[in-house]
Amino acid sequence: MDFQVLSAVGFGLILAVGGFAAWMVSRKSASFDPPEKPAWRDDSLDDWRREREAQAEVDRRQRAESPGTHLSTGQEEQQEAQRTTHTRLGG
């Protein structure tokens, strides 16, 4: 009978101490902040973007020098809309 009481109280005490220790370890690991890594930045398309912007600037200057040869804003979309309204879908 003494062994049963000792084991019931002892195992309960061991479980309580173990639970408390686990809680303390998890609390310490949660407050641990790893050192910040430098942010990764994708710059593989930077050259392409610079070339595209330079070409767009050249196109803008050409349109500004000869205003009658290019479509005004919105006319390109209107032409596309007119072309697609007669498209037959389905079989």
PDB file of N, CA and C in Angstrom:
ATOM      1  N   MET A   1       0.815  -1.172   0.000  1.00  0.00           N
ATOM      2  CA  MET A   1       0.000   0.000   0.000  1.00  0.00           C
ATOM      3  C   MET A   1       0.871   1.253   0.000  1.00  0.00           C
ATOM      4  N   ASP A   2       1.971   1.231   0.694  1.00  0.00           N
ATOM      5  CA  ASP A   2       2.866   2.374   0.717  1.00  0.00           C
ATOM      6  C   ASP A   2       3.437   2.650  -0.674  1.00  0.00           C
ATOM      7  N   PHE A   3       3.709   1.588  -1.420  1.00  0.00           N
ATOM      8  CA  PHE A   3       4.243   1.746  -2.765  1.00  0.00           C
ATOM      9  C   PHE A   3       3.217   2.404  -3.690  1.00  0.00           C
ATOM     10  N   GLN A   4       1.934   2.048  -3.544  1.00  0.00           N
ATOM     11  CA  GLN A   4       0.893   2.627  -4.382  1.00  0.00           C
ATOM     12  C   GLN A   4       0.731   4.130  -4.107  1.00  0.00           C
ATOM     13  N   VAL A   5       0.767   4.521  -2.884  1.00  0.00           N
ATOM     14  CA  VAL A   5       0.628   5.935  -2.534  1.00  0.00           C
ATOM     15  C   VAL A   5       1.859   6.704  -3.006  1.00  0.00           C
ATOM     16  N   LEU A   6       3.029   6.102  -2.771  1.00  0.00           N
ATOM     17  CA  LEU A   6       4.265   6.742  -3.204  1.00  0.00           C
ATOM     18  C   LEU A   6       4.314   6.883  -4.722  1.00  0.00           C
ATOM     19  N   SER A   7       3.901   5.841  -5.443  1.00  0.00           N
ATOM     20  CA  SER A   7       3.936   5.916  -6.906  1.00  0.00           C
ATOM     21  C   SER A   7       2.900   6.916  -7.432  1.00  0.00           C
ATOM     22  N   ALA A   8       1.707   6.966  -6.823  1.00  0.00           N
ATOM     23  CA  ALA A   8       0.673   7.902  -7.278  1.00  0.00           C
ATOM     24  C   ALA A   8       1.122   9.344  -7.045  1.00  0.00           C
ATOM     25  N   VAL A   9       1.662   9.637  -5.912  1.00  0.00           N
ATOM     26  CA  VAL A   9       2.110  10.991  -5.613  1.00  0.00           C
ATOM     27  C   VAL A   9       3.390  11.306  -6.380  1.00  0.00           C
ATOM     28  N   GLY A  10       4.308  10.350  -6.459  1.00  0.00           N
ATOM     29  CA  GLY A  10       5.588  10.559  -7.139  1.00  0.00           C
ATOM     30  C   GLY A  10       5.417  10.780  -8.636  1.00  0.00           C
ATOM     31  N   PHE A  11       4.597   9.925  -9.281  1.00  0.00           N
ATOM     32  CA  PHE A  11       4.383  10.089 -10.721  1.00  0.00           C
ATOM     33  C   PHE A  11       3.660  11.400 -11.031  1.00  0.00           C
ATOM     34  N   GLY A  12       2.716  11.754 -10.195  1.00  0.00           N
ATOM     35  CA  GLY A  12       2.032  13.038 -10.380  1.00  0.00           C
ATOM     36  C   GLY A  12       2.989  14.203 -10.245  1.00  0.00           C
ATOM     37  N   LEU A  13       3.873  14.121  -9.249  1.00  0.00           N
ATOM     38  CA  LEU A  13       4.863  15.166  -9.040  1.00  0.00           C
ATOM     39  C   LEU A  13       5.857  15.230 -10.197  1.00  0.00           C
ATOM     40  N   ILE A  14       6.278  14.079 -10.683  1.00  0.00           N
ATOM     41  CA  ILE A  14       7.204  14.037 -11.831  1.00  0.00           C
ATOM     42  C   ILE A  14       6.544  14.638 -13.070  1.00  0.00           C
ATOM     43  N   LEU A  15       5.277  14.307 -13.304  1.00  0.00           N
ATOM     44  CA  LEU A  15       4.560  14.864 -14.457  1.00  0.00           C
ATOM     45  C   LEU A  15       4.414  16.381 -14.340  1.00  0.00           C
ATOM     46  N   ALA A  16       4.135  16.858 -13.137  1.00  0.00           N
ATOM     47  CA  ALA A  16       3.985  18.301 -12.956  1.00  0.00           C
ATOM     48  C   ALA A  16       5.307  19.020 -13.188  1.00  0.00           C
ATOM     49  N   VAL A  17       6.402  18.489 -12.654  1.00  0.00           N
ATOM     50  CA  VAL A  17       7.712  19.113 -12.839  1.00  0.00           C
ATOM     51  C   VAL A  17       8.119  19.065 -14.310  1.00  0.00           C
ATOM     52  N   GLY A  18       7.882  17.946 -14.960  1.00  0.00           N
ATOM     53  CA  GLY A  18       8.202  17.826 -16.388  1.00  0.00           C
ATOM     54  C   GLY A  18       7.392  18.779 -17.243  1.00  0.00           C
ATOM     55  N   GLY A  19       6.103  18.937 -16.946  1.00  0.00           N
ATOM     56  CA  GLY A  19       5.258  19.875 -17.683  1.00  0.00           C
ATOM     57  C   GLY A  19       5.714  21.304 -17.501  1.00  0.00           C
ATOM     58  N   PHE A  20       6.084  21.648 -16.264  1.00  0.00           N
ATOM     59  CA  PHE A  20       6.579  22.994 -15.987  1.00  0.00           C
ATOM     60  C   PHE A  20       7.891  23.254 -16.729  1.00  0.00           C
ATOM     61  N   ALA A  21       8.786  22.271 -16.745  1.00  0.00           N
ATOM     62  CA  ALA A  21      10.064  22.425 -17.450  1.00  0.00           C
ATOM     63  C   ALA A  21       9.836  22.582 -18.954  1.00  0.00           C
ATOM     64  N   ALA A  22       8.915  21.794 -19.515  1.00  0.00           N
ATOM     65  CA  ALA A  22       8.617  21.902 -20.945  1.00  0.00           C
ATOM     66  C   ALA A  22       8.029  23.266 -21.275  1.00  0.00           C
ATOM     67  N   TRP A  23       7.175  23.770 -20.393  1.00  0.00           N
ATOM     68  CA  TRP A  23       6.579  25.082 -20.620  1.00  0.00           C
ATOM     69  C   TRP A  23       7.639  26.175 -20.591  1.00  0.00           C
ATOM     70  N   MET A  24       8.587  26.076 -19.671  1.00  0.00           N
ATOM     71  CA  MET A  24       9.658  27.074 -19.587  1.00  0.00           C
ATOM     72  C   MET A  24      10.557  27.027 -20.821  1.00  0.00           C
ATOM     73  N   VAL A  25      10.862  25.826 -21.307  1.00  0.00           N
ATOM     74  CA  VAL A  25      11.705  25.706 -22.505  1.00  0.00           C
ATOM     75  C   VAL A  25      10.981  26.285 -23.719  1.00  0.00           C
ATOM     76  N   SER A  26       9.699  25.983 -23.855  1.00  0.00           N
ATOM     77  CA  SER A  26       8.957  26.506 -25.012  1.00  0.00           C
ATOM     78  C   SER A  26       8.837  28.022 -24.942  1.00  0.00           C
ATOM     79  N   ARG A  27       8.734  28.562 -23.742  1.00  0.00           N
ATOM     80  CA  ARG A  27       8.653  30.014 -23.581  1.00  0.00           C
ATOM     81  C   ARG A  27       9.962  30.687 -23.956  1.00  0.00           C
ATOM     82  N   LYS A  28      11.061  30.074 -23.606  1.00  0.00           N
ATOM     83  CA  LYS A  28      12.368  30.635 -23.962  1.00  0.00           C
ATOM     84  C   LYS A  28      12.589  30.566 -25.468  1.00  0.00           C
ATOM     85  N   SER A  29      12.189  29.472 -26.099  1.00  0.00           N
ATOM     86  CA  SER A  29      12.412  29.350 -27.543  1.00  0.00           C
ATOM     87  C   SER A  29      11.484  30.270 -28.333  1.00  0.00           C
ATOM     88  N   ALA A  30      10.320  30.586 -27.772  1.00  0.00           N
ATOM     89  CA  ALA A  30       9.401  31.488 -28.460  1.00  0.00           C
ATOM     90  C   ALA A  30       9.912  32.921 -28.413  1.00  0.00           C
ATOM     91  N   SER A  31      10.623  33.297 -27.375  1.00  0.00           N
ATOM     92  CA  SER A  31      11.121  34.659 -27.277  1.00  0.00           C
ATOM     93  C   SER A  31      12.456  34.833 -27.986  1.00  0.00           C
ATOM     94  N   PHE A  32      13.049  33.762 -28.441  1.00  0.00           N
ATOM     95  CA  PHE A  32      14.324  33.828 -29.146  1.00  0.00           C
ATOM     96  C   PHE A  32      14.091  34.320 -30.564  1.00  0.00           C
ATOM     97  N   ASP A  33      14.716  35.430 -30.923  1.00  0.00           N
ATOM     98  CA  ASP A  33      14.596  35.973 -32.268  1.00  0.00           C
ATOM     99  C   ASP A  33      15.857  35.634 -33.048  1.00  0.00           C
ATOM    100  N   PRO A  34      15.721  34.896 -34.116  1.00  0.00           N
ATOM    101  CA  PRO A  34      16.910  34.590 -34.918  1.00  0.00           C
ATOM    102  C   PRO A  34      17.428  35.864 -35.589  1.00  0.00           C
ATOM    103  N   PRO A  35      18.692  35.925 -35.892  1.00  0.00           N
ATOM    104  CA  PRO A  35      19.216  37.121 -36.568  1.00  0.00           C
ATOM    105  C   PRO A  35      18.534  37.294 -37.926  1.00  0.00           C
ATOM    106  N   GLU A  36      18.269  38.543 -38.270  1.00  0.00           N
ATOM    107  CA  GLU A  36      17.561  38.811 -39.520  1.00  0.00           C
ATOM    108  C   GLU A  36      18.464  38.553 -40.715  1.00  0.00           C
ATOM    109  N   LYS A  37      17.898  37.868 -41.676  1.00  0.00           N
ATOM    110  CA  LYS A  37      18.611  37.633 -42.927  1.00  0.00           C
ATOM    111  C   LYS A  37      18.379  38.846 -43.829  1.00  0.00           C
ATOM    112  N   PRO A  38      19.334  39.174 -44.647  1.00  0.00           N
ATOM    113  CA  PRO A  38      19.077  40.272 -45.581  1.00  0.00           C
ATOM    114  C   PRO A  38      17.972  39.871 -46.557  1.00  0.00           C
ATOM    115  N   ALA A  39      17.122  40.799 -46.866  1.00  0.00           N
ATOM    116  CA  ALA A  39      16.001  40.519 -47.761  1.00  0.00           C
ATOM    117  C   ALA A  39      16.531  40.187 -49.153  1.00  0.00           C
ATOM    118  N   TRP A  40      16.025  39.104 -49.715  1.00  0.00           N
ATOM    119  CA  TRP A  40      16.431  38.704 -51.055  1.00  0.00           C
ATOM    120  C   TRP A  40      15.680  39.571 -52.057  1.00  0.00           C
ATOM    121  N   ARG A  41      16.382  40.040 -53.041  1.00  0.00           N
ATOM    122  CA  ARG A  41      15.769  40.911 -54.035  1.00  0.00           C
ATOM    123  C   ARG A  41      16.083  40.373 -55.409  1.00  0.00           C
ATOM    124  N   ASP A  42      15.048  40.235 -56.225  1.00  0.00           N
ATOM    125  CA  ASP A  42      15.206  39.738 -57.578  1.00  0.00           C
ATOM    126  C   ASP A  42      15.500  40.918 -58.497  1.00  0.00           C
ATOM    127  N   ASP A  43      16.735  40.994 -58.970  1.00  0.00           N
ATOM    128  CA  ASP A  43      17.092  42.075 -59.879  1.00  0.00           C
ATOM    129  C   ASP A  43      17.472  41.534 -61.257  1.00  0.00           C
ATOM    130  N   SER A  44      16.966  40.352 -61.581  1.00  0.00           N
ATOM    131  CA  SER A  44      17.324  39.733 -62.849  1.00  0.00           C
ATOM    132  C   SER A  44      16.713  40.455 -64.049  1.00  0.00           C
ATOM    133  N   LEU A  45      15.635  41.199 -63.849  1.00  0.00           N
ATOM    134  CA  LEU A  45      14.976  41.877 -64.969  1.00  0.00           C
ATOM    135  C   LEU A  45      15.244  43.375 -65.003  1.00  0.00           C
ATOM    136  N   ASP A  46      16.152  43.863 -64.172  1.00  0.00           N
ATOM    137  CA  ASP A  46      16.407  45.308 -64.118  1.00  0.00           C
ATOM    138  C   ASP A  46      16.918  45.853 -65.440  1.00  0.00           C
ATOM    139  N   ASP A  47      17.850  45.145 -66.080  1.00  0.00           N
ATOM    140  CA  ASP A  47      18.372  45.611 -67.371  1.00  0.00           C
ATOM    141  C   ASP A  47      17.264  45.663 -68.410  1.00  0.00           C
ATOM    142  N   TRP A  48      16.431  44.631 -68.437  1.00  0.00           N
ATOM    143  CA  TRP A  48      15.335  44.583 -69.411  1.00  0.00           C
ATOM    144  C   TRP A  48      14.369  45.746 -69.174  1.00  0.00           C
ATOM    145  N   ARG A  49      14.078  46.043 -67.924  1.00  0.00           N
ATOM    146  CA  ARG A  49      13.170  47.158 -67.618  1.00  0.00           C
ATOM    147  C   ARG A  49      13.764  48.491 -68.055  1.00  0.00           C
ATOM    148  N   ARG A  50      15.068  48.676 -67.841  1.00  0.00           N
ATOM    149  CA  ARG A  50      15.705  49.925 -68.275  1.00  0.00           C
ATOM    150  C   ARG A  50      15.629  50.069 -69.800  1.00  0.00           C
ATOM    151  N   GLU A  51      15.888  48.992 -70.522  1.00  0.00           N
ATOM    152  CA  GLU A  51      15.804  49.045 -71.994  1.00  0.00           C
ATOM    153  C   GLU A  51      14.376  49.333 -72.440  1.00  0.00           C
ATOM    154  N   ARG A  52      13.399  48.716 -71.785  1.00  0.00           N
ATOM    155  CA  ARG A  52      12.001  48.929 -72.146  1.00  0.00           C
ATOM    156  C   ARG A  52      11.591  50.375 -71.890  1.00  0.00           C
ATOM    157  N   GLU A  53      12.010  50.944 -70.750  1.00  0.00           N
ATOM    158  CA  GLU A  53      11.681  52.338 -70.447  1.00  0.00           C
ATOM    159  C   GLU A  53      12.366  53.290 -71.430  1.00  0.00           C
ATOM    160  N   ALA A  54      13.603  52.985 -71.808  1.00  0.00           N
ATOM    161  CA  ALA A  54      14.299  53.827 -72.778  1.00  0.00           C
ATOM    162  C   ALA A  54      13.588  53.783 -74.131  1.00  0.00           C
ATOM    163  N   GLN A  55      13.161  52.588 -74.555  1.00  0.00           N
ATOM    164  CA  GLN A  55      12.441  52.454 -75.825  1.00  0.00           C
ATOM    165  C   GLN A  55      11.095  53.180 -75.750  1.00  0.00           C
ATOM    166  N   ALA A  56      10.423  53.102 -74.624  1.00  0.00           N
ATOM    167  CA  ALA A  56       9.139  53.794 -74.470  1.00  0.00           C
ATOM    168  C   ALA A  56       9.341  55.302 -74.535  1.00  0.00           C
ATOM    169  N   GLU A  57      10.426  55.781 -73.953  1.00  0.00           N
ATOM    170  CA  GLU A  57      10.713  57.217 -74.010  1.00  0.00           C
ATOM    171  C   GLU A  57      10.983  57.664 -75.445  1.00  0.00           C
ATOM    172  N   VAL A  58      11.707  56.855 -76.207  1.00  0.00           N
ATOM    173  CA  VAL A  58      11.960  57.169 -77.619  1.00  0.00           C
ATOM    174  C   VAL A  58      10.643  57.202 -78.378  1.00  0.00           C
ATOM    175  N   ASP A  59       9.766  56.220 -78.121  1.00  0.00           N
ATOM    176  CA  ASP A  59       8.461  56.192 -78.788  1.00  0.00           C
ATOM    177  C   ASP A  59       7.629  57.422 -78.423  1.00  0.00           C
ATOM    178  N   ARG A  60       7.670  57.837 -77.159  1.00  0.00           N
ATOM    179  CA  ARG A  60       6.921  59.041 -76.744  1.00  0.00           C
ATOM    180  C   ARG A  60       7.415  60.272 -77.471  1.00  0.00           C
ATOM    181  N   ARG A  61       8.722  60.397 -77.591  1.00  0.00           N
ATOM    182  CA  ARG A  61       9.269  61.562 -78.295  1.00  0.00           C
ATOM    183  C   ARG A  61       8.866  61.549 -79.772  1.00  0.00           C
ATOM    184  N   GLN A  62       8.885  60.376 -80.400  1.00  0.00           N
ATOM    185  CA  GLN A  62       8.485  60.289 -81.807  1.00  0.00           C
ATOM    186  C   GLN A  62       7.015  60.661 -81.978  1.00  0.00           C
ATOM    187  N   ARG A  63       6.168  60.212 -81.061  1.00  0.00           N
ATOM    188  CA  ARG A  63       4.741  60.563 -81.145  1.00  0.00           C
ATOM    189  C   ARG A  63       4.534  62.054 -80.919  1.00  0.00           C
ATOM    190  N   ALA A  64       5.334  62.657 -80.042  1.00  0.00           N
ATOM    191  CA  ALA A  64       5.188  64.087 -79.767  1.00  0.00           C
ATOM    192  C   ALA A  64       5.627  64.915 -80.977  1.00  0.00           C
ATOM    193  N   GLU A  65       6.631  64.438 -81.711  1.00  0.00           N
ATOM    194  CA  GLU A  65       7.120  65.177 -82.881  1.00  0.00           C
ATOM    195  C   GLU A  65       6.178  65.074 -84.060  1.00  0.00           C
ATOM    196  N   SER A  66       5.474  63.960 -84.208  1.00  0.00           N
ATOM    197  CA  SER A  66       4.553  63.789 -85.342  1.00  0.00           C
ATOM    198  C   SER A  66       3.194  63.322 -84.819  1.00  0.00           C
ATOM    199  N   PRO A  67       2.351  64.271 -84.372  1.00  0.00           N
ATOM    200  CA  PRO A  67       1.084  63.896 -83.735  1.00  0.00           C
ATOM    201  C   PRO A  67       0.051  63.298 -84.686  1.00  0.00           C
ATOM    202  N   GLY A  68       0.119  63.525 -85.964  1.00  0.00           N
ATOM    203  CA  GLY A  68      -0.910  63.043 -86.881  1.00  0.00           C
ATOM    204  C   GLY A  68      -0.749  61.586 -87.293  1.00  0.00           C
ATOM    205  N   THR A  69       0.401  60.991 -87.109  1.00  0.00           N
ATOM    206  CA  THR A  69       0.642  59.634 -87.600  1.00  0.00           C
ATOM    207  C   THR A  69       0.270  58.545 -86.607  1.00  0.00           C
ATOM    208  N   HIS A  70       0.064  58.893 -85.351  1.00  0.00           N
ATOM    209  CA  HIS A  70      -0.236  57.885 -84.326  1.00  0.00           C
ATOM    210  C   HIS A  70      -1.664  58.050 -83.835  1.00  0.00           C
ATOM    211  N   LEU A  71      -2.225  56.961 -83.319  1.00  0.00           N
ATOM    212  CA  LEU A  71      -3.578  56.995 -82.773  1.00  0.00           C
ATOM    213  C   LEU A  71      -3.569  57.711 -81.426  1.00  0.00           C
ATOM    214  N   SER A  72      -4.656  58.387 -81.151  1.00  0.00           N
ATOM    215  CA  SER A  72      -4.747  59.051 -79.849  1.00  0.00           C
ATOM    216  C   SER A  72      -5.155  58.029 -78.788  1.00  0.00           C
ATOM    217  N   THR A  73      -5.178  58.461 -77.567  1.00  0.00           N
ATOM    218  CA  THR A  73      -5.496  57.573 -76.456  1.00  0.00           C
ATOM    219  C   THR A  73      -6.905  57.014 -76.599  1.00  0.00           C
ATOM    220  N   GLY A  74      -7.031  55.708 -76.481  1.00  0.00           N
ATOM    221  CA  GLY A  74      -8.341  55.069 -76.538  1.00  0.00           C
ATOM    222  C   GLY A  74      -8.724  54.566 -77.913  1.00  0.00           C
ATOM    223  N   GLN A  75      -8.138  55.090 -78.970  1.00  0.00           N
ATOM    224  CA  GLN A  75      -8.515  54.640 -80.314  1.00  0.00           C
ATOM    225  C   GLN A  75      -8.044  53.211 -80.575  1.00  0.00           C
ATOM    226  N   GLU A  76      -6.903  52.829 -80.019  1.00  0.00           N
ATOM    227  CA  GLU A  76      -6.430  51.460 -80.206  1.00  0.00           C
ATOM    228  C   GLU A  76      -7.400  50.467 -79.583  1.00  0.00           C
ATOM    229  N   GLU A  77      -7.916  50.782 -78.390  1.00  0.00           N
ATOM    230  CA  GLU A  77      -8.860  49.898 -77.729  1.00  0.00           C
ATOM    231  C   GLU A  77     -10.179  49.837 -78.487  1.00  0.00           C
ATOM    232  N   GLN A  78     -10.613  50.964 -79.063  1.00  0.00           N
ATOM    233  CA  GLN A  78     -11.865  50.973 -79.820  1.00  0.00           C
ATOM    234  C   GLN A  78     -11.743  50.102 -81.061  1.00  0.00           C
ATOM    235  N   GLN A  79     -10.604  50.160 -81.727  1.00  0.00           N
ATOM    236  CA  GLN A  79     -10.417  49.328 -82.906  1.00  0.00           C
ATOM    237  C   GLN A  79     -10.436  47.853 -82.535  1.00  0.00           C
ATOM    238  N   GLU A  80      -9.795  47.507 -81.440  1.00  0.00           N
ATOM    239  CA  GLU A  80      -9.780  46.116 -80.988  1.00  0.00           C
ATOM    240  C   GLU A  80     -11.182  45.656 -80.626  1.00  0.00           C
ATOM    241  N   ALA A  81     -11.966  46.524 -79.967  1.00  0.00           N
ATOM    242  CA  ALA A  81     -13.323  46.166 -79.576  1.00  0.00           C
ATOM    243  C   ALA A  81     -14.190  45.952 -80.804  1.00  0.00           C
ATOM    244  N   GLN A  82     -14.021  46.772 -81.839  1.00  0.00           N
ATOM    245  CA  GLN A  82     -14.810  46.609 -83.046  1.00  0.00           C
ATOM    246  C   GLN A  82     -14.447  45.301 -83.745  1.00  0.00           C
ATOM    247  N   ARG A  83     -13.201  44.928 -83.721  1.00  0.00           N
ATOM    248  CA  ARG A  83     -12.764  43.713 -84.377  1.00  0.00           C
ATOM    249  C   ARG A  83     -13.310  42.479 -83.648  1.00  0.00           C
ATOM    250  N   THR A  84     -13.370  42.517 -82.336  1.00  0.00           N
ATOM    251  CA  THR A  84     -13.791  41.342 -81.583  1.00  0.00           C
ATOM    252  C   THR A  84     -15.296  41.196 -81.488  1.00  0.00           C
ATOM    253  N   THR A  85     -16.072  42.236 -81.820  1.00  0.00           N
ATOM    254  CA  THR A  85     -17.523  42.121 -81.698  1.00  0.00           C
ATOM    255  C   THR A  85     -18.089  41.190 -82.763  1.00  0.00           C
ATOM    256  N   HIS A  86     -17.384  40.975 -83.871  1.00  0.00           N
ATOM    257  CA  HIS A  86     -17.878  40.130 -84.951  1.00  0.00           C
ATOM    258  C   HIS A  86     -17.314  38.705 -84.880  1.00  0.00           C
ATOM    259  N   THR A  87     -16.594  38.426 -83.824  1.00  0.00           N
ATOM    260  CA  THR A  87     -16.030  37.085 -83.677  1.00  0.00           C
ATOM    261  C   THR A  87     -17.096  36.125 -83.212  1.00  0.00           C
ATOM    262  N   ARG A  88     -17.189  34.979 -83.892  1.00  0.00           N
ATOM    263  CA  ARG A  88     -18.181  33.980 -83.544  1.00  0.00           C
ATOM    264  C   ARG A  88     -17.544  32.962 -82.623  1.00  0.00           C
ATOM    265  N   LEU A  89     -18.181  32.728 -81.505  1.00  0.00           N
ATOM    266  CA  LEU A  89     -17.681  31.753 -80.542  1.00  0.00           C
ATOM    267  C   LEU A  89     -18.540  30.494 -80.620  1.00  0.00           C
ATOM    268  N   GLY A  90     -17.899  29.384 -80.423  1.00  0.00           N
ATOM    269  CA  GLY A  90     -18.652  28.132 -80.399  1.00  0.00           C
ATOM    270  C   GLY A  90     -18.605  27.410 -81.734  1.00  0.00           C
ATOM    271  N   GLY A  91     -19.426  26.396 -81.872  1.00  0.00           N
ATOM    272  CA  GLY A  91     -19.359  25.546 -83.060  1.00  0.00           C
ATOM    273  C   GLY A  91     -20.438  25.833 -83.959  1.00  0.00           C
TER     274      GLY A  91
END
